[in-house]
Protein backbone atom coordinates (compact mmCIF):
# COMPACT_ATOMS: atom_id res chain seq x y z
CA MET A 1 78.96 37.72 37.76
CA LYS A 2 76.95 40.71 38.46
CA SER A 3 73.69 41.28 36.49
CA PRO A 4 73.40 44.06 34.41
CA PHE A 5 69.70 45.46 35.78
CA PRO A 6 69.97 44.32 39.34
CA SER A 7 67.26 46.15 40.65
CA ARG A 8 64.44 44.52 37.67
CA THR A 9 65.79 41.26 38.74
CA LYS A 10 64.27 42.25 42.15
CA LYS A 11 61.33 43.53 41.14
CA ALA A 12 61.01 40.72 38.74
CA ASP A 13 60.94 37.63 42.03
CA GLN A 14 58.60 40.17 43.46
CA ALA A 15 56.23 40.54 40.86
CA GLY A 16 55.99 36.30 41.33
CA ASN A 17 55.04 36.20 44.54
CA GLY A 18 52.56 38.83 44.45
CA ALA A 19 53.21 41.84 44.66
CA ALA A 20 52.82 44.36 41.63
CA PRO A 21 54.36 47.50 40.49
CA ASP A 22 53.15 50.77 40.14
CA GLU A 23 52.99 53.01 37.97
CA ASN A 24 56.85 53.69 38.91
CA GLY A 25 58.32 50.59 38.64
CA ALA A 26 57.54 50.31 42.46
CA VAL A 27 56.66 46.74 43.63
CA VAL A 28 53.76 47.53 45.84
CA GLU A 29 52.50 44.43 47.88
CA GLU A 30 49.26 43.21 47.78
CA PRO A 31 47.47 43.35 51.89
CA LYS A 32 47.06 39.22 53.38
CA PRO A 33 43.44 37.94 53.79
CA SER A 34 42.47 38.19 57.14
CA ARG A 35 40.76 35.11 58.80
CA LYS A 36 37.32 35.57 57.56
CA GLU A 37 37.99 36.21 54.18
CA LYS A 38 39.45 33.39 54.98
CA LEU A 39 36.51 30.98 56.02
CA SER A 40 34.90 32.82 53.46
CA GLY A 41 36.48 31.43 50.87
CA HIS A 42 37.23 28.21 51.53
CA LYS A 43 32.53 27.97 52.81
CA ASP A 44 32.16 28.74 49.04
CA LEU A 45 34.84 26.60 47.51
CA ALA A 46 33.52 23.83 49.24
CA VAL A 47 30.05 24.59 47.95
CA HIS A 48 31.12 24.56 44.34
CA HIS A 49 32.98 21.49 44.71
CA GLY A 50 29.56 19.71 46.46
CA GLY A 51 27.25 20.78 43.16
CA GLU A 52 29.81 19.73 41.58
CA ALA A 53 29.48 16.48 42.86
CA GLY A 54 25.65 16.15 42.69
CA LYS A 55 26.13 17.14 38.93
CA ASP A 56 29.27 13.66 38.97
CA VAL A 57 26.56 11.39 40.26
CA ALA A 58 23.67 12.07 38.31
CA GLY A 59 25.64 12.37 34.96
CA TRP A 60 27.64 8.88 36.97
CA VAL A 61 24.18 7.50 36.76
CA ASP A 62 23.09 8.78 33.71
CA SER A 63 25.26 7.55 31.17
CA ARG A 64 24.74 3.83 33.20
CA THR A 65 20.86 3.82 32.40
CA ASN A 66 20.22 6.02 30.10
CA ALA A 67 17.36 7.63 31.92
CA THR A 68 17.82 10.60 29.53
CA GLY A 69 17.24 9.02 26.31
CA ILE A 70 14.78 6.80 27.94
CA PHE A 71 12.48 9.46 28.68
CA THR A 72 13.15 12.37 25.64
CA ALA A 73 11.70 8.17 23.69
CA MET A 74 8.48 8.48 26.40
CA MET A 75 7.69 11.98 27.19
CA SER A 76 8.93 12.87 23.47
CA ARG A 77 7.93 11.13 21.01
CA HIS A 78 5.90 11.86 18.18
CA VAL A 79 2.32 12.22 18.06
CA PRO A 80 0.27 11.39 14.38
CA LYS A 81 -2.14 14.11 13.35
CA GLY A 82 -5.67 13.91 14.13
CA THR A 83 -4.82 12.07 18.19
CA ASN A 84 -8.02 12.33 20.10
CA TRP A 85 -8.84 10.87 23.97
CA PHE A 86 -9.30 7.45 22.33
CA TYR A 87 -5.31 7.52 22.39
CA THR A 88 -5.42 8.46 26.70
CA LEU A 89 -7.58 5.00 27.71
CA GLY A 90 -4.30 2.48 27.20
CA SER A 91 -2.06 5.18 29.31
CA ALA A 92 -5.79 5.96 31.74
CA THR A 93 -4.50 1.65 32.06
CA MET A 94 -1.42 1.26 33.02
CA PHE A 95 -2.22 4.03 35.97
CA ILE A 96 -4.98 2.39 37.48
CA PHE A 97 -3.15 -0.51 37.09
CA ALA A 98 -0.19 1.36 39.81
CA MET A 99 -2.85 2.31 41.77
CA GLN A 100 -3.83 -1.49 42.15
CA ALA A 101 -0.01 -2.88 43.34
CA ILE A 102 0.21 0.10 45.60
CA THR A 103 -3.16 -0.57 47.02
CA GLY A 104 -2.85 -4.00 46.82
CA VAL A 105 0.84 -3.76 49.14
CA ILE A 106 -1.49 -2.05 51.75
CA LEU A 107 -4.17 -3.88 52.56
CA SER A 108 -1.64 -6.61 52.25
CA MET A 109 -0.04 -5.84 55.46
CA TYR A 110 -3.37 -6.13 57.48
CA TYR A 111 -4.62 -9.05 55.46
CA THR A 112 -4.63 -13.22 56.41
CA PRO A 113 -4.60 -15.86 54.22
CA SER A 114 -6.24 -18.25 56.45
CA ALA A 115 -9.79 -20.32 55.73
CA THR A 116 -10.71 -18.49 59.64
CA GLN A 117 -9.17 -15.55 59.90
CA ALA A 118 -8.77 -13.98 56.33
CA TYR A 119 -12.68 -12.54 57.21
CA ALA A 120 -12.30 -11.05 60.53
CA SER A 121 -9.08 -9.26 59.53
CA ILE A 122 -10.82 -7.99 56.17
CA THR A 123 -13.70 -6.92 58.83
CA HIS A 124 -11.13 -5.50 60.88
CA LEU A 125 -9.22 -3.63 58.29
CA THR A 126 -12.33 -1.98 57.33
CA ASN A 127 -13.68 -0.78 60.58
CA ASP A 128 -10.59 -0.63 63.04
CA VAL A 129 -8.20 0.85 60.63
CA PHE A 130 -7.93 4.30 59.33
CA LEU A 131 -8.46 5.28 55.60
CA GLY A 132 -9.18 0.99 55.39
CA GLU A 133 -12.32 0.89 54.57
CA PHE A 134 -10.65 3.93 51.68
CA VAL A 135 -7.94 2.12 50.80
CA ARG A 136 -10.00 -0.83 50.61
CA GLY A 137 -12.66 0.96 47.98
CA LEU A 138 -10.31 1.80 46.17
CA HIS A 139 -8.15 -1.39 44.95
CA LYS A 140 -12.50 -2.90 44.63
CA TRP A 141 -13.24 -0.20 41.92
CA GLY A 142 -10.32 -0.04 40.45
CA ALA A 143 -10.24 -4.03 39.83
CA SER A 144 -13.85 -3.14 37.56
CA LEU A 145 -12.23 0.24 36.39
CA MET A 146 -9.57 -1.76 34.65
CA ILE A 147 -11.05 -4.39 33.61
CA ILE A 148 -14.02 -1.46 31.98
CA LEU A 149 -11.00 0.62 30.53
CA ILE A 150 -8.63 -1.80 28.45
CA PHE A 151 -11.74 -3.19 26.59
CA LEU A 152 -11.78 -0.16 25.55
CA HIS A 153 -8.50 0.86 24.56
CA MET A 154 -8.51 -2.87 23.06
CA ALA A 155 -11.76 -1.90 20.93
CA ARG A 156 -10.36 1.65 20.10
CA THR A 157 -7.19 -0.49 19.01
CA PHE A 158 -9.41 -3.08 16.56
CA PHE A 159 -11.69 -0.28 14.89
CA PHE A 160 -9.09 2.08 14.26
CA GLY A 161 -6.63 -0.70 12.76
CA ALA A 162 -3.71 -0.76 14.48
CA TYR A 163 -2.90 -4.27 15.23
CA LYS A 164 -2.05 -4.44 11.55
CA TYR A 165 1.15 -5.07 10.56
CA PRO A 166 4.23 -4.02 12.03
CA ARG A 167 2.12 -3.64 15.17
CA GLU A 168 0.70 -7.98 15.24
CA LEU A 169 3.62 -8.90 18.43
CA ASN A 170 1.76 -6.26 20.64
CA TRP A 171 -1.59 -6.82 19.47
CA VAL A 172 -0.94 -10.31 20.96
CA ILE A 173 0.45 -8.37 23.75
CA GLY A 174 -2.62 -6.70 24.26
CA VAL A 175 -4.70 -9.45 24.32
CA VAL A 176 -2.50 -11.73 27.29
CA LEU A 177 -3.02 -8.98 29.43
CA LEU A 178 -6.21 -9.12 29.00
CA ILE A 179 -6.23 -12.85 29.78
CA LEU A 180 -4.34 -11.70 33.35
CA THR A 181 -6.37 -9.25 34.22
CA MET A 182 -9.32 -11.21 33.98
CA VAL A 183 -7.35 -13.78 36.28
CA MET A 184 -6.22 -11.11 38.97
CA GLY A 185 -10.11 -9.73 38.91
CA LEU A 186 -10.43 -14.26 39.65
CA THR A 187 -8.45 -14.11 41.94
CA GLY A 188 -8.89 -11.18 44.45
CA TYR A 189 -12.56 -12.12 44.56
CA LEU A 190 -12.24 -14.54 46.97
CA LEU A 191 -9.75 -12.82 49.02
CA PRO A 192 -12.60 -12.03 51.72
CA PHE A 193 -13.83 -15.20 52.02
CA ASP A 194 -17.01 -14.89 52.56
CA GLN A 195 -20.60 -16.48 51.38
CA ARG A 196 -20.66 -14.32 47.98
CA SER A 197 -17.06 -14.77 46.96
CA PHE A 198 -17.17 -18.14 47.95
CA TRP A 199 -19.79 -19.03 46.05
CA ALA A 200 -19.12 -16.84 43.47
CA THR A 201 -15.66 -18.87 42.88
CA ILE A 202 -17.13 -22.07 42.82
CA VAL A 203 -19.30 -21.83 39.98
CA ALA A 204 -16.49 -20.09 38.26
CA ASN A 205 -14.18 -22.90 38.90
CA ASN A 206 -17.01 -25.32 37.45
CA ILE A 207 -17.01 -22.45 34.63
CA THR A 208 -13.47 -22.84 34.46
CA ALA A 209 -13.88 -27.55 34.39
CA SER A 210 -15.90 -27.27 31.33
CA GLY A 211 -13.62 -26.41 28.83
CA PRO A 212 -12.26 -28.63 26.05
CA VAL A 213 -9.27 -30.82 27.13
CA VAL A 214 -7.01 -28.71 29.24
CA GLY A 215 -10.12 -27.14 31.45
CA PRO A 216 -10.44 -30.34 34.05
CA TYR A 217 -6.40 -29.88 34.90
CA LEU A 218 -7.30 -26.53 35.28
CA ALA A 219 -9.30 -26.09 37.28
CA ASP A 220 -7.95 -28.56 39.10
CA PHE A 221 -4.49 -26.15 39.42
CA LEU A 222 -6.46 -23.47 40.83
CA ARG A 223 -8.10 -25.52 43.11
CA ALA A 224 -4.54 -27.25 45.00
CA GLY A 225 -6.84 -30.13 44.54
CA PRO A 226 -10.19 -31.93 43.20
CA ASP A 227 -12.04 -29.81 46.00
CA PHE A 228 -11.95 -26.69 46.84
CA SER A 229 -9.93 -26.38 50.19
CA ALA A 230 -8.14 -23.43 53.31
CA THR A 231 -5.46 -24.30 50.35
CA THR A 232 -7.43 -22.97 47.34
CA LEU A 233 -7.27 -19.15 49.31
CA SER A 234 -3.70 -19.81 49.53
CA ARG A 235 -3.76 -21.19 45.57
CA PHE A 236 -5.10 -17.74 44.77
CA TYR A 237 -3.68 -14.91 47.33
CA ALA A 238 -0.36 -16.70 45.70
CA LEU A 239 -1.52 -15.67 41.91
CA HIS A 240 -2.90 -12.85 43.00
CA MET A 241 -0.36 -11.02 45.01
CA LEU A 242 2.64 -12.31 42.99
CA VAL A 243 2.29 -13.62 40.03
CA VAL A 244 -0.10 -12.63 38.08
CA PRO A 245 1.32 -9.02 39.13
CA GLY A 246 5.00 -10.13 37.91
CA LEU A 247 3.46 -11.30 34.52
CA ILE A 248 1.75 -8.23 34.01
CA GLY A 249 4.30 -5.68 34.11
CA GLY A 250 7.06 -7.77 32.79
CA LEU A 251 4.41 -7.78 29.64
CA ILE A 252 3.29 -3.85 29.72
CA GLY A 253 7.06 -2.92 29.83
CA ALA A 254 7.58 -5.27 26.55
CA HIS A 255 4.25 -3.55 25.38
CA LEU A 256 6.04 -0.13 25.51
CA PHE A 257 9.01 -0.63 24.64
CA LEU A 258 7.14 -2.33 21.09
CA VAL A 259 4.89 1.60 21.39
CA VAL A 260 8.46 3.33 21.68
CA LYS A 261 9.64 1.29 18.96
CA LEU A 262 7.17 1.08 16.39
CA GLY A 263 4.89 4.83 16.45
CA THR A 264 1.08 5.78 17.27
CA THR A 265 -0.95 4.70 14.54
CA ALA A 266 -3.30 7.60 12.89
CA PRO A 267 -7.22 7.83 12.97
CA PRO A 268 -8.48 6.12 10.42
CA TRP A 269 -9.49 9.06 9.17
CA VAL A 270 -6.38 11.43 8.09
CA ARG A 271 -4.06 10.64 5.50
CA ALA A 272 -0.48 10.36 6.11
CA ALA A 273 1.31 12.55 4.33
CA ARG A 274 4.69 12.34 2.45
CA PRO A 275 7.79 13.35 4.24
CA LYS A 276 9.59 16.46 2.18
CA GLY A 277 11.17 15.59 -0.51
CA ALA A 278 9.47 11.87 -0.58
CA GLN A 279 8.40 11.12 -4.76
CA ARG A 280 5.91 9.71 -6.32
CA SER A 281 6.99 5.64 -6.85
CA GLU A 282 5.17 3.23 -8.32
CA ALA A 283 7.16 0.56 -8.16
CA VAL A 284 6.46 -2.83 -6.99
CA VAL A 285 8.77 -5.89 -6.83
CA ALA A 286 8.60 -8.85 -8.81
CA GLY A 287 5.49 -10.77 -7.88
CA VAL A 288 4.86 -9.14 -4.08
CA ALA A 289 2.05 -6.80 -3.51
CA VAL A 290 3.22 -3.65 -1.92
CA ALA A 291 0.46 -3.63 0.98
CA ASP A 292 -2.60 -6.56 1.35
CA SER A 293 -4.99 -4.73 -0.96
CA ASP A 294 -2.79 -3.91 -3.78
CA GLU A 295 -2.95 -6.28 -7.23
CA VAL A 296 0.45 -7.65 -8.75
CA SER A 297 0.31 -6.35 -12.71
CA VAL A 298 0.13 -8.68 -15.41
CA SER A 299 0.61 -8.49 -19.00
CA SER A 300 -0.34 -8.75 -21.57
CA ASN A 301 1.12 -12.06 -22.68
CA GLY A 302 0.51 -13.81 -18.76
CA VAL A 303 3.78 -12.31 -17.33
CA VAL A 304 4.25 -10.17 -14.07
CA ALA A 305 5.54 -7.25 -14.92
CA ASN A 306 8.03 -5.89 -13.04
CA GLY A 307 7.90 -2.96 -13.15
CA SER A 308 4.37 -0.11 -12.56
CA VAL A 309 1.25 -0.94 -14.39
CA GLU A 310 2.28 2.26 -16.57
CA ALA A 311 5.30 -0.14 -17.03
CA VAL A 312 2.92 -2.52 -18.30
CA ALA A 313 0.82 -0.46 -20.46
CA GLU A 314 3.59 1.03 -22.15
CA GLU A 315 5.26 -2.24 -22.44
CA ALA A 316 1.30 -3.46 -24.97
CA ASP A 317 1.41 -0.72 -26.24
CA GLN A 318 5.08 -1.49 -27.83
CA ALA A 319 3.67 -4.80 -28.73
CA LYS A 320 1.07 -3.39 -30.69
CA SER A 321 3.41 -0.88 -32.62
CA LYS A 322 6.12 -3.91 -34.03
CA THR A 323 2.28 -5.62 -35.23
CA GLU A 324 0.84 -2.23 -37.23
CA ALA A 325 4.62 -2.04 -38.83
CA PRO A 326 4.39 -4.62 -41.09
CA GLU A 327 1.19 -3.45 -42.39
CA ALA A 328 2.18 0.10 -43.37
CA ALA A 329 5.61 -1.11 -44.91
CA ALA A 330 2.90 -3.30 -47.08
CA GLY A 331 0.60 -0.35 -49.10
CA PRO A 332 -2.83 0.41 -48.97
CA GLU A 333 -4.89 -2.69 -49.63
CA VAL A 334 -5.81 -4.47 -52.42
CA THR A 335 -9.05 -5.53 -53.04
CA GLU A 336 -9.51 -9.32 -55.15
CA ALA A 337 -11.16 -7.36 -58.34
CA GLU A 338 -8.56 -4.83 -58.20
CA SER A 339 -5.52 -7.16 -57.78
CA ALA A 340 -6.98 -9.88 -60.96
CA PRO A 341 -4.98 -9.13 -64.00
CA GLU A 342 -6.77 -6.95 -66.82
CA GLU A 343 -7.91 -9.15 -70.00
CA PRO A 344 -6.12 -7.35 -73.49
CA GLU A 345 -9.02 -5.73 -75.86
CA ALA A 346 -10.22 -8.55 -78.92
CA PRO A 347 -9.66 -6.12 -81.70
CA GLU A 348 -12.48 -4.51 -84.04
CA GLU A 349 -14.42 -6.58 -87.34
CA PRO A 350 -14.96 -4.60 -90.01
CA GLU A 351 -19.01 -4.06 -90.77
CA ALA A 352 -20.53 -6.22 -93.47
CA PRO A 353 -21.85 -4.51 -96.54
CA ALA A 354 -25.24 -4.09 -97.37
CA ASP A 355 -27.85 -5.96 -99.54
CA ASP A 356 -29.10 -3.18 -101.45
CA GLU A 357 -25.75 -1.61 -102.11
CA GLU A 358 -24.05 -2.75 -105.34
CA THR A 359 -20.75 -3.88 -105.36
CA THR A 360 -17.93 -2.60 -107.79
CA SER A 361 -16.10 -4.63 -109.76
């Protein structure tokens, strides 16, 4: 059976193949794109997919490492009011450590840890290598600057009270970092292996040996034996290049993690404001003080109160009112004289007649 609308079916088929009808209903075929237009379209499509692929790789890496979250936590965290330049001492110390690591790697490319060639390699590095003296100067003075900065950073932490709860562990890590920084300075001082560094290291090792209990064993470990020898230089080089920097890097990571997790301490002269909506609470847990300076509330009978100081005062008032209640019910006080029973009055006796008066019969 033929379709009653053959013309419309044909037009619809032609329109489905990419042709568009005009105002009169006739189908007009669109012109085919040229070869140049096809190449341009393919090029734009390749650029689009290339950009999307780059975004997909960055998103894949971020989803595996959470780099965006770490960066946001490090750089966009809350800083308390009143912070000043004293709070940059920790960042400055970390920057100097990074500079020491970079310059140390460059110096190790030309240094020879040998008792017979160490001084010659240092001389060659200073006099012959391009910018060798500059890099060595950065490393040398950077070591002294790092020790000064870490001392100032710990002094700021102490005087601002940043070592208190809940940041005690971060303070302990800082103390260990200070000790490791001193060890870095000691082990690096011997590496030029000239007369000054040789005898200064012997003096420092003898001071270490005079320590109680572990002093002699630690001195033998640093000397790599009972006497100061060429093996001592190799021991100091291994500690200075591998062991101590690795420990410092790991502890710096833990230090920064705790700083981000626990936040920064406000200066002691700035009082922290209560957040919006928070109400003042005076409640004290039974027998436990909120802070180290707080006193535990004790009632009049010697029992620790479960509430606040106001609750203790209210309890005392209630006890006082209970003692005053029976007295008020008894009425006014009566003295002893008033409470004694009254004696009955004696009857009046008749008066006796006078002697000069005559009696009548």
